[in-house]
Amino acid sequence: MEIRDNVKRLCKLRGITQKELASKIGISETSLNVSLKPDGNPSVKTIEKVATGLGVSVSQLLASPEELELLTGQSQEERGKVLRCPHCGEEIELYVKAL
């Protein structure tokens, strides 16, 4: 399990970039990226900040891809088909008007 994959997945679900997440939790984007590398060895404090910034628990952040899929309620196929507000993370409904 790589925390980096879960952070990417959760950022996408929340409609935010990793740069926005880093800013939200008070660290630089570079520090976040270095921490999330396979050999980055992030501190517990950083993991807690990231989880809080993404609105999940530490255990959810560290979950396996399958567990995270169950926790978020979205399969890989469904991801990308849902638009989320970049500010609050709520799902946005779109209506298409026929011409």
PDB file of N, CA and C in Angstrom:
ATOM      1  N   MET A   1       0.850  -1.184   0.000  1.00  0.00           N
ATOM      2  CA  MET A   1       0.000   0.000   0.000  1.00  0.00           C
ATOM      3  C   MET A   1       0.883   1.231   0.000  1.00  0.00           C
ATOM      4  N   GLU A   2       0.585   2.128  -0.877  1.00  0.00           N
ATOM      5  CA  GLU A   2       1.291   3.395  -0.900  1.00  0.00           C
ATOM      6  C   GLU A   2       0.317   4.503  -0.553  1.00  0.00           C
ATOM      7  N   ILE A   3       0.686   5.282   0.448  1.00  0.00           N
ATOM      8  CA  ILE A   3      -0.149   6.399   0.888  1.00  0.00           C
ATOM      9  C   ILE A   3      -0.348   7.385  -0.259  1.00  0.00           C
ATOM     10  N   ARG A   4       0.657   7.499  -1.120  1.00  0.00           N
ATOM     11  CA  ARG A   4       0.602   8.423  -2.254  1.00  0.00           C
ATOM     12  C   ARG A   4      -0.620   8.154  -3.138  1.00  0.00           C
ATOM     13  N   ASP A   5      -0.894   6.875  -3.423  1.00  0.00           N
ATOM     14  CA  ASP A   5      -2.037   6.524  -4.269  1.00  0.00           C
ATOM     15  C   ASP A   5      -3.352   6.932  -3.621  1.00  0.00           C
ATOM     16  N   ASN A   6      -3.457   6.700  -2.311  1.00  0.00           N
ATOM     17  CA  ASN A   6      -4.688   7.079  -1.611  1.00  0.00           C
ATOM     18  C   ASN A   6      -4.865   8.591  -1.575  1.00  0.00           C
ATOM     19  N   VAL A   7      -3.775   9.325  -1.395  1.00  0.00           N
ATOM     20  CA  VAL A   7      -3.869  10.790  -1.386  1.00  0.00           C
ATOM     21  C   VAL A   7      -4.335  11.276  -2.760  1.00  0.00           C
ATOM     22  N   LYS A   8      -3.760  10.726  -3.819  1.00  0.00           N
ATOM     23  CA  LYS A   8      -4.182  11.114  -5.173  1.00  0.00           C
ATOM     24  C   LYS A   8      -5.660  10.819  -5.382  1.00  0.00           C
ATOM     25  N   ARG A   9      -6.078   9.619  -4.983  1.00  0.00           N
ATOM     26  CA  ARG A   9      -7.470   9.200  -5.152  1.00  0.00           C
ATOM     27  C   ARG A   9      -8.410  10.110  -4.365  1.00  0.00           C
ATOM     28  N   LEU A  10      -8.040  10.400  -3.111  1.00  0.00           N
ATOM     29  CA  LEU A  10      -8.904  11.230  -2.268  1.00  0.00           C
ATOM     30  C   LEU A  10      -8.920  12.679  -2.737  1.00  0.00           C
ATOM     31  N   CYS A  11      -7.793  13.183  -3.204  1.00  0.00           N
ATOM     32  CA  CYS A  11      -7.777  14.541  -3.764  1.00  0.00           C
ATOM     33  C   CYS A  11      -8.729  14.628  -4.948  1.00  0.00           C
ATOM     34  N   LYS A  12      -8.684  13.621  -5.800  1.00  0.00           N
ATOM     35  CA  LYS A  12      -9.570  13.604  -6.969  1.00  0.00           C
ATOM     36  C   LYS A  12     -11.035  13.582  -6.528  1.00  0.00           C
ATOM     37  N   LEU A  13     -11.337  12.760  -5.529  1.00  0.00           N
ATOM     38  CA  LEU A  13     -12.712  12.689  -5.024  1.00  0.00           C
ATOM     39  C   LEU A  13     -13.165  14.016  -4.426  1.00  0.00           C
ATOM     40  N   ARG A  14     -12.242  14.717  -3.791  1.00  0.00           N
ATOM     41  CA  ARG A  14     -12.573  15.994  -3.138  1.00  0.00           C
ATOM     42  C   ARG A  14     -12.538  17.168  -4.116  1.00  0.00           C
ATOM     43  N   GLY A  15     -12.024  16.911  -5.315  1.00  0.00           N
ATOM     44  CA  GLY A  15     -11.952  17.980  -6.315  1.00  0.00           C
ATOM     45  C   GLY A  15     -10.879  19.002  -6.013  1.00  0.00           C
ATOM     46  N   ILE A  16      -9.783  18.552  -5.380  1.00  0.00           N
ATOM     47  CA  ILE A  16      -8.681  19.468  -5.082  1.00  0.00           C
ATOM     48  C   ILE A  16      -7.383  18.889  -5.631  1.00  0.00           C
ATOM     49  N   THR A  17      -6.421  19.754  -5.826  1.00  0.00           N
ATOM     50  CA  THR A  17      -5.108  19.308  -6.265  1.00  0.00           C
ATOM     51  C   THR A  17      -4.236  19.041  -5.043  1.00  0.00           C
ATOM     52  N   GLN A  18      -3.128  18.358  -5.260  1.00  0.00           N
ATOM     53  CA  GLN A  18      -2.198  18.132  -4.153  1.00  0.00           C
ATOM     54  C   GLN A  18      -1.591  19.460  -3.697  1.00  0.00           C
ATOM     55  N   LYS A  19      -1.453  20.399  -4.612  1.00  0.00           N
ATOM     56  CA  LYS A  19      -0.954  21.731  -4.249  1.00  0.00           C
ATOM     57  C   LYS A  19      -1.928  22.419  -3.298  1.00  0.00           C
ATOM     58  N   GLU A  20      -3.223  22.311  -3.602  1.00  0.00           N
ATOM     59  CA  GLU A  20      -4.247  22.906  -2.730  1.00  0.00           C
ATOM     60  C   GLU A  20      -4.271  22.209  -1.376  1.00  0.00           C
ATOM     61  N   LEU A  21      -4.105  20.886  -1.374  1.00  0.00           N
ATOM     62  CA  LEU A  21      -4.058  20.143  -0.119  1.00  0.00           C
ATOM     63  C   LEU A  21      -2.882  20.606   0.722  1.00  0.00           C
ATOM     64  N   ALA A  22      -1.719  20.721   0.104  1.00  0.00           N
ATOM     65  CA  ALA A  22      -0.524  21.161   0.829  1.00  0.00           C
ATOM     66  C   ALA A  22      -0.750  22.528   1.464  1.00  0.00           C
ATOM     67  N   SER A  23      -1.321  23.439   0.701  1.00  0.00           N
ATOM     68  CA  SER A  23      -1.606  24.777   1.215  1.00  0.00           C
ATOM     69  C   SER A  23      -2.595  24.717   2.379  1.00  0.00           C
ATOM     70  N   LYS A  24      -3.606  23.881   2.230  1.00  0.00           N
ATOM     71  CA  LYS A  24      -4.643  23.736   3.254  1.00  0.00           C
ATOM     72  C   LYS A  24      -4.083  23.229   4.578  1.00  0.00           C
ATOM     73  N   ILE A  25      -3.073  22.345   4.519  1.00  0.00           N
ATOM     74  CA  ILE A  25      -2.524  21.767   5.750  1.00  0.00           C
ATOM     75  C   ILE A  25      -1.253  22.469   6.221  1.00  0.00           C
ATOM     76  N   GLY A  26      -0.867  23.525   5.501  1.00  0.00           N
ATOM     77  CA  GLY A  26       0.234  24.362   5.956  1.00  0.00           C
ATOM     78  C   GLY A  26       1.636  23.846   5.671  1.00  0.00           C
ATOM     79  N   ILE A  27       1.787  23.082   4.588  1.00  0.00           N
ATOM     80  CA  ILE A  27       3.125  22.666   4.185  1.00  0.00           C
ATOM     81  C   ILE A  27       3.293  22.962   2.700  1.00  0.00           C
ATOM     82  N   SER A  28       4.529  22.954   2.236  1.00  0.00           N
ATOM     83  CA  SER A  28       4.757  23.228   0.820  1.00  0.00           C
ATOM     84  C   SER A  28       4.391  22.006  -0.020  1.00  0.00           C
ATOM     85  N   GLU A  29       4.103  22.255  -1.272  1.00  0.00           N
ATOM     86  CA  GLU A  29       3.784  21.156  -2.180  1.00  0.00           C
ATOM     87  C   GLU A  29       4.972  20.205  -2.290  1.00  0.00           C
ATOM     88  N   THR A  30       6.178  20.764  -2.299  1.00  0.00           N
ATOM     89  CA  THR A  30       7.391  19.944  -2.374  1.00  0.00           C
ATOM     90  C   THR A  30       7.498  19.032  -1.162  1.00  0.00           C
ATOM     91  N   SER A  31       7.259  19.568   0.027  1.00  0.00           N
ATOM     92  CA  SER A  31       7.317  18.753   1.247  1.00  0.00           C
ATOM     93  C   SER A  31       6.294  17.631   1.217  1.00  0.00           C
ATOM     94  N   LEU A  32       5.103  17.939   0.731  1.00  0.00           N
ATOM     95  CA  LEU A  32       4.064  16.919   0.622  1.00  0.00           C
ATOM     96  C   LEU A  32       4.502  15.829  -0.349  1.00  0.00           C
ATOM     97  N   ASN A  33       5.010  16.229  -1.515  1.00  0.00           N
ATOM     98  CA  ASN A  33       5.437  15.242  -2.505  1.00  0.00           C
ATOM     99  C   ASN A  33       6.580  14.375  -2.000  1.00  0.00           C
ATOM    100  N   VAL A  34       7.547  14.972  -1.309  1.00  0.00           N
ATOM    101  CA  VAL A  34       8.668  14.210  -0.762  1.00  0.00           C
ATOM    102  C   VAL A  34       8.162  13.231   0.292  1.00  0.00           C
ATOM    103  N   SER A  35       7.238  13.672   1.127  1.00  0.00           N
ATOM    104  CA  SER A  35       6.679  12.807   2.178  1.00  0.00           C
ATOM    105  C   SER A  35       5.923  11.626   1.603  1.00  0.00           C
ATOM    106  N   LEU A  36       5.307  11.818   0.449  1.00  0.00           N
ATOM    107  CA  LEU A  36       4.459  10.779  -0.131  1.00  0.00           C
ATOM    108  C   LEU A  36       5.208   9.801  -1.039  1.00  0.00           C
ATOM    109  N   LYS A  37       6.484  10.057  -1.285  1.00  0.00           N
ATOM    110  CA  LYS A  37       7.275   9.114  -2.086  1.00  0.00           C
ATOM    111  C   LYS A  37       7.383   7.797  -1.329  1.00  0.00           C
ATOM    112  N   PRO A  38       7.560   6.683  -2.045  1.00  0.00           N
ATOM    113  CA  PRO A  38       7.666   5.379  -1.375  1.00  0.00           C
ATOM    114  C   PRO A  38       8.732   5.340  -0.279  1.00  0.00           C
ATOM    115  N   ASP A  39       9.805   6.084  -0.464  1.00  0.00           N
ATOM    116  CA  ASP A  39      10.853   6.120   0.565  1.00  0.00           C
ATOM    117  C   ASP A  39      10.817   7.425   1.364  1.00  0.00           C
ATOM    118  N   GLY A  40       9.690   8.142   1.281  1.00  0.00           N
ATOM    119  CA  GLY A  40       9.567   9.448   1.920  1.00  0.00           C
ATOM    120  C   GLY A  40       9.483   9.426   3.429  1.00  0.00           C
ATOM    121  N   ASN A  41       8.931   8.352   4.003  1.00  0.00           N
ATOM    122  CA  ASN A  41       8.825   8.201   5.449  1.00  0.00           C
ATOM    123  C   ASN A  41       8.186   9.416   6.132  1.00  0.00           C
ATOM    124  N   PRO A  42       6.906   9.696   5.826  1.00  0.00           N
ATOM    125  CA  PRO A  42       6.248  10.859   6.443  1.00  0.00           C
ATOM    126  C   PRO A  42       6.077  10.666   7.941  1.00  0.00           C
ATOM    127  N   SER A  43       6.142  11.760   8.668  1.00  0.00           N
ATOM    128  CA  SER A  43       5.943  11.701  10.119  1.00  0.00           C
ATOM    129  C   SER A  43       4.465  11.444  10.420  1.00  0.00           C
ATOM    130  N   VAL A  44       4.207  10.983  11.619  1.00  0.00           N
ATOM    131  CA  VAL A  44       2.821  10.754  12.050  1.00  0.00           C
ATOM    132  C   VAL A  44       2.053  12.071  11.996  1.00  0.00           C
ATOM    133  N   LYS A  45       2.718  13.150  12.378  1.00  0.00           N
ATOM    134  CA  LYS A  45       2.073  14.469  12.359  1.00  0.00           C
ATOM    135  C   LYS A  45       1.648  14.847  10.935  1.00  0.00           C
ATOM    136  N   THR A  46       2.515  14.578   9.951  1.00  0.00           N
ATOM    137  CA  THR A  46       2.180  14.881   8.562  1.00  0.00           C
ATOM    138  C   THR A  46       1.026  14.013   8.081  1.00  0.00           C
ATOM    139  N   ILE A  47       1.052  12.733   8.433  1.00  0.00           N
ATOM    140  CA  ILE A  47      -0.043  11.832   8.041  1.00  0.00           C
ATOM    141  C   ILE A  47      -1.355  12.311   8.642  1.00  0.00           C
ATOM    142  N   GLU A  48      -1.329  12.740   9.889  1.00  0.00           N
ATOM    143  CA  GLU A  48      -2.546  13.258  10.538  1.00  0.00           C
ATOM    144  C   GLU A  48      -3.041  14.518   9.838  1.00  0.00           C
ATOM    145  N   LYS A  49      -2.116  15.421   9.476  1.00  0.00           N
ATOM    146  CA  LYS A  49      -2.502  16.648   8.778  1.00  0.00           C
ATOM    147  C   LYS A  49      -3.128  16.333   7.427  1.00  0.00           C
ATOM    148  N   VAL A  50      -2.524  15.411   6.694  1.00  0.00           N
ATOM    149  CA  VAL A  50      -3.041  15.031   5.383  1.00  0.00           C
ATOM    150  C   VAL A  50      -4.438  14.428   5.518  1.00  0.00           C
ATOM    151  N   ALA A  51      -4.611  13.524   6.474  1.00  0.00           N
ATOM    152  CA  ALA A  51      -5.921  12.907   6.686  1.00  0.00           C
ATOM    153  C   ALA A  51      -6.967  13.962   7.024  1.00  0.00           C
ATOM    154  N   THR A  52      -6.618  14.873   7.924  1.00  0.00           N
ATOM    155  CA  THR A  52      -7.542  15.934   8.313  1.00  0.00           C
ATOM    156  C   THR A  52      -7.873  16.826   7.116  1.00  0.00           C
ATOM    157  N   GLY A  53      -6.860  17.172   6.334  1.00  0.00           N
ATOM    158  CA  GLY A  53      -7.062  18.006   5.149  1.00  0.00           C
ATOM    159  C   GLY A  53      -7.967  17.363   4.116  1.00  0.00           C
ATOM    160  N   LEU A  54      -7.957  16.031   4.077  1.00  0.00           N
ATOM    161  CA  LEU A  54      -8.799  15.303   3.132  1.00  0.00           C
ATOM    162  C   LEU A  54     -10.140  14.890   3.734  1.00  0.00           C
ATOM    163  N   GLY A  55     -10.322  15.167   5.019  1.00  0.00           N
ATOM    164  CA  GLY A  55     -11.596  14.844   5.662  1.00  0.00           C
ATOM    165  C   GLY A  55     -11.799  13.365   5.922  1.00  0.00           C
ATOM    166  N   VAL A  56     -10.696  12.636   6.160  1.00  0.00           N
ATOM    167  CA  VAL A  56     -10.774  11.205   6.454  1.00  0.00           C
ATOM    168  C   VAL A  56      -9.971  10.915   7.715  1.00  0.00           C
ATOM    169  N   SER A  57     -10.158   9.723   8.249  1.00  0.00           N
ATOM    170  CA  SER A  57      -9.358   9.306   9.397  1.00  0.00           C
ATOM    171  C   SER A  57      -8.006   8.801   8.911  1.00  0.00           C
ATOM    172  N   VAL A  58      -7.051   8.691   9.812  1.00  0.00           N
ATOM    173  CA  VAL A  58      -5.736   8.151   9.458  1.00  0.00           C
ATOM    174  C   VAL A  58      -5.882   6.728   8.944  1.00  0.00           C
ATOM    175  N   SER A  59      -6.744   5.937   9.574  1.00  0.00           N
ATOM    176  CA  SER A  59      -6.929   4.552   9.125  1.00  0.00           C
ATOM    177  C   SER A  59      -7.507   4.503   7.713  1.00  0.00           C
ATOM    178  N   GLN A  60      -8.387   5.431   7.360  1.00  0.00           N
ATOM    179  CA  GLN A  60      -8.920   5.481   6.001  1.00  0.00           C
ATOM    180  C   GLN A  60      -7.830   5.879   5.008  1.00  0.00           C
ATOM    181  N   LEU A  61      -6.995   6.821   5.409  1.00  0.00           N
ATOM    182  CA  LEU A  61      -5.907   7.257   4.548  1.00  0.00           C
ATOM    183  C   LEU A  61      -4.919   6.132   4.277  1.00  0.00           C
ATOM    184  N   LEU A  62      -4.715   5.265   5.252  1.00  0.00           N
ATOM    185  CA  LEU A  62      -3.751   4.172   5.140  1.00  0.00           C
ATOM    186  C   LEU A  62      -4.384   2.868   4.654  1.00  0.00           C
ATOM    187  N   ALA A  63      -5.649   2.903   4.299  1.00  0.00           N
ATOM    188  CA  ALA A  63      -6.363   1.694   3.873  1.00  0.00           C
ATOM    189  C   ALA A  63      -5.822   1.178   2.548  1.00  0.00           C
ATOM    190  N   SER A  64      -6.067  -0.103   2.307  1.00  0.00           N
ATOM    191  CA  SER A  64      -5.701  -0.686   1.009  1.00  0.00           C
ATOM    192  C   SER A  64      -6.612  -0.074  -0.050  1.00  0.00           C
ATOM    193  N   PRO A  65      -6.220  -0.166  -1.331  1.00  0.00           N
ATOM    194  CA  PRO A  65      -7.074   0.384  -2.396  1.00  0.00           C
ATOM    195  C   PRO A  65      -8.498  -0.183  -2.368  1.00  0.00           C
ATOM    196  N   GLU A  66      -8.624  -1.475  -2.068  1.00  0.00           N
ATOM    197  CA  GLU A  66      -9.948  -2.096  -2.017  1.00  0.00           C
ATOM    198  C   GLU A  66     -10.763  -1.538  -0.848  1.00  0.00           C
ATOM    199  N   GLU A  67     -10.113  -1.387   0.311  1.00  0.00           N
ATOM    200  CA  GLU A  67     -10.806  -0.835   1.481  1.00  0.00           C
ATOM    201  C   GLU A  67     -11.208   0.604   1.231  1.00  0.00           C
ATOM    202  N   LEU A  68     -10.320   1.373   0.611  1.00  0.00           N
ATOM    203  CA  LEU A  68     -10.633   2.771   0.324  1.00  0.00           C
ATOM    204  C   LEU A  68     -11.814   2.870  -0.629  1.00  0.00           C
ATOM    205  N   GLU A  69     -11.868   1.970  -1.593  1.00  0.00           N
ATOM    206  CA  GLU A  69     -12.987   1.943  -2.535  1.00  0.00           C
ATOM    207  C   GLU A  69     -14.300   1.707  -1.792  1.00  0.00           C
ATOM    208  N   LEU A  70     -14.278   0.786  -0.835  1.00  0.00           N
ATOM    209  CA  LEU A  70     -15.479   0.522  -0.036  1.00  0.00           C
ATOM    210  C   LEU A  70     -15.838   1.721   0.830  1.00  0.00           C
ATOM    211  N   LEU A  71     -14.833   2.364   1.416  1.00  0.00           N
ATOM    212  CA  LEU A  71     -15.065   3.498   2.305  1.00  0.00           C
ATOM    213  C   LEU A  71     -15.603   4.715   1.563  1.00  0.00           C
ATOM    214  N   THR A  72     -15.120   4.922   0.349  1.00  0.00           N
ATOM    215  CA  THR A  72     -15.560   6.088  -0.411  1.00  0.00           C
ATOM    216  C   THR A  72     -16.812   5.809  -1.227  1.00  0.00           C
ATOM    217  N   GLY A  73     -17.124   4.519  -1.390  1.00  0.00           N
ATOM    218  CA  GLY A  73     -18.332   4.157  -2.121  1.00  0.00           C
ATOM    219  C   GLY A  73     -18.222   4.329  -3.616  1.00  0.00           C
ATOM    220  N   GLN A  74     -17.002   4.413  -4.122  1.00  0.00           N
ATOM    221  CA  GLN A  74     -16.832   4.572  -5.557  1.00  0.00           C
ATOM    222  C   GLN A  74     -15.827   3.575  -6.086  1.00  0.00           C
ATOM    223  N   SER A  75     -16.193   2.915  -7.157  1.00  0.00           N
ATOM    224  CA  SER A  75     -15.270   2.017  -7.827  1.00  0.00           C
ATOM    225  C   SER A  75     -14.378   2.830  -8.753  1.00  0.00           C
ATOM    226  N   GLN A  76     -13.348   2.193  -9.276  1.00  0.00           N
ATOM    227  CA  GLN A  76     -12.451   2.899 -10.193  1.00  0.00           C
ATOM    228  C   GLN A  76     -13.200   3.377 -11.431  1.00  0.00           C
ATOM    229  N   GLU A  77     -14.188   2.609 -11.889  1.00  0.00           N
ATOM    230  CA  GLU A  77     -14.947   3.014 -13.068  1.00  0.00           C
ATOM    231  C   GLU A  77     -15.772   4.264 -12.783  1.00  0.00           C
ATOM    232  N   GLU A  78     -16.295   4.356 -11.576  1.00  0.00           N
ATOM    233  CA  GLU A  78     -17.136   5.499 -11.225  1.00  0.00           C
ATOM    234  C   GLU A  78     -16.317   6.766 -11.000  1.00  0.00           C
ATOM    235  N   ARG A  79     -15.076   6.613 -10.547  1.00  0.00           N
ATOM    236  CA  ARG A  79     -14.235   7.778 -10.327  1.00  0.00           C
ATOM    237  C   ARG A  79     -14.043   8.490 -11.652  1.00  0.00           C
ATOM    238  N   GLY A  80     -14.065   9.763 -11.632  1.00  0.00           N
ATOM    239  CA  GLY A  80     -13.900  10.518 -12.863  1.00  0.00           C
ATOM    240  C   GLY A  80     -15.226  10.846 -13.519  1.00  0.00           C
ATOM    241  N   LYS A  81     -16.299  10.147 -13.141  1.00  0.00           N
ATOM    242  CA  LYS A  81     -17.614  10.439 -13.693  1.00  0.00           C
ATOM    243  C   LYS A  81     -18.387  11.381 -12.773  1.00  0.00           C
ATOM    244  N   VAL A  82     -17.829  11.666 -11.616  1.00  0.00           N
ATOM    245  CA  VAL A  82     -18.502  12.511 -10.648  1.00  0.00           C
ATOM    246  C   VAL A  82     -17.745  13.825 -10.544  1.00  0.00           C
ATOM    247  N   LEU A  83     -18.469  14.925 -10.685  1.00  0.00           N
ATOM    248  CA  LEU A  83     -17.870  16.228 -10.482  1.00  0.00           C
ATOM    249  C   LEU A  83     -18.109  16.641  -9.042  1.00  0.00           C
ATOM    250  N   ARG A  84     -17.064  17.193  -8.419  1.00  0.00           N
ATOM    251  CA  ARG A  84     -17.177  17.623  -7.029  1.00  0.00           C
ATOM    252  C   ARG A  84     -16.771  19.083  -6.918  1.00  0.00           C
ATOM    253  N   CYS A  85     -17.435  19.785  -6.033  1.00  0.00           N
ATOM    254  CA  CYS A  85     -17.099  21.174  -5.753  1.00  0.00           C
ATOM    255  C   CYS A  85     -15.683  21.230  -5.186  1.00  0.00           C
ATOM    256  N   PRO A  86     -14.806  22.066  -5.740  1.00  0.00           N
ATOM    257  CA  PRO A  86     -13.439  22.134  -5.230  1.00  0.00           C
ATOM    258  C   PRO A  86     -13.342  22.764  -3.844  1.00  0.00           C
ATOM    259  N   HIS A  87     -14.404  23.387  -3.385  1.00  0.00           N
ATOM    260  CA  HIS A  87     -14.369  24.034  -2.079  1.00  0.00           C
ATOM    261  C   HIS A  87     -14.902  23.148  -0.958  1.00  0.00           C
ATOM    262  N   CYS A  88     -16.034  22.501  -1.197  1.00  0.00           N
ATOM    263  CA  CYS A  88     -16.654  21.709  -0.130  1.00  0.00           C
ATOM    264  C   CYS A  88     -16.613  20.204  -0.383  1.00  0.00           C
ATOM    265  N   GLY A  89     -16.289  19.794  -1.617  1.00  0.00           N
ATOM    266  CA  GLY A  89     -16.217  18.369  -1.925  1.00  0.00           C
ATOM    267  C   GLY A  89     -17.554  17.719  -2.239  1.00  0.00           C
ATOM    268  N   GLU A  90     -18.642  18.508  -2.235  1.00  0.00           N
ATOM    269  CA  GLU A  90     -19.962  17.956  -2.523  1.00  0.00           C
ATOM    270  C   GLU A  90     -20.100  17.641  -4.011  1.00  0.00           C
ATOM    271  N   GLU A  91     -20.888  16.626  -4.312  1.00  0.00           N
ATOM    272  CA  GLU A  91     -21.139  16.233  -5.689  1.00  0.00           C
ATOM    273  C   GLU A  91     -21.946  17.321  -6.398  1.00  0.00           C
ATOM    274  N   ILE A  92     -21.581  17.598  -7.644  1.00  0.00           N
ATOM    275  CA  ILE A  92     -22.260  18.612  -8.442  1.00  0.00           C
ATOM    276  C   ILE A  92     -23.093  17.904  -9.502  1.00  0.00           C
ATOM    277  N   GLU A  93     -24.369  18.259  -9.583  1.00  0.00           N
ATOM    278  CA  GLU A  93     -25.238  17.687 -10.600  1.00  0.00           C
ATOM    279  C   GLU A  93     -25.249  18.602 -11.805  1.00  0.00           C
ATOM    280  N   LEU A  94     -25.102  18.007 -12.977  1.00  0.00           N
ATOM    281  CA  LEU A  94     -25.123  18.778 -14.210  1.00  0.00           C
ATOM    282  C   LEU A  94     -26.373  18.426 -14.997  1.00  0.00           C
ATOM    283  N   TYR A  95     -26.965  19.402 -15.611  1.00  0.00           N
ATOM    284  CA  TYR A  95     -28.119  19.195 -16.451  1.00  0.00           C
ATOM    285  C   TYR A  95     -27.783  19.670 -17.854  1.00  0.00           C
ATOM    286  N   VAL A  96     -28.086  18.856 -18.831  1.00  0.00           N
ATOM    287  CA  VAL A  96     -27.800  19.208 -20.214  1.00  0.00           C
ATOM    288  C   VAL A  96     -29.110  19.601 -20.877  1.00  0.00           C
ATOM    289  N   LYS A  97     -29.111  20.774 -21.454  1.00  0.00           N
ATOM    290  CA  LYS A  97     -30.312  21.273 -22.135  1.00  0.00           C
ATOM    291  C   LYS A  97     -30.211  20.940 -23.606  1.00  0.00           C
ATOM    292  N   ALA A  98     -31.230  20.265 -24.124  1.00  0.00           N
ATOM    293  CA  ALA A  98     -31.249  19.907 -25.539  1.00  0.00           C
ATOM    294  C   ALA A  98     -31.463  21.157 -26.366  1.00  0.00           C
ATOM    295  N   LEU A  99     -30.829  21.189 -27.532  1.00  0.00           N
ATOM    296  CA  LEU A  99     -30.976  22.347 -28.431  1.00  0.00           C
ATOM    297  C   LEU A  99     -32.190  22.229 -29.294  1.00  0.00           C
TER     298      LEU A  99
END
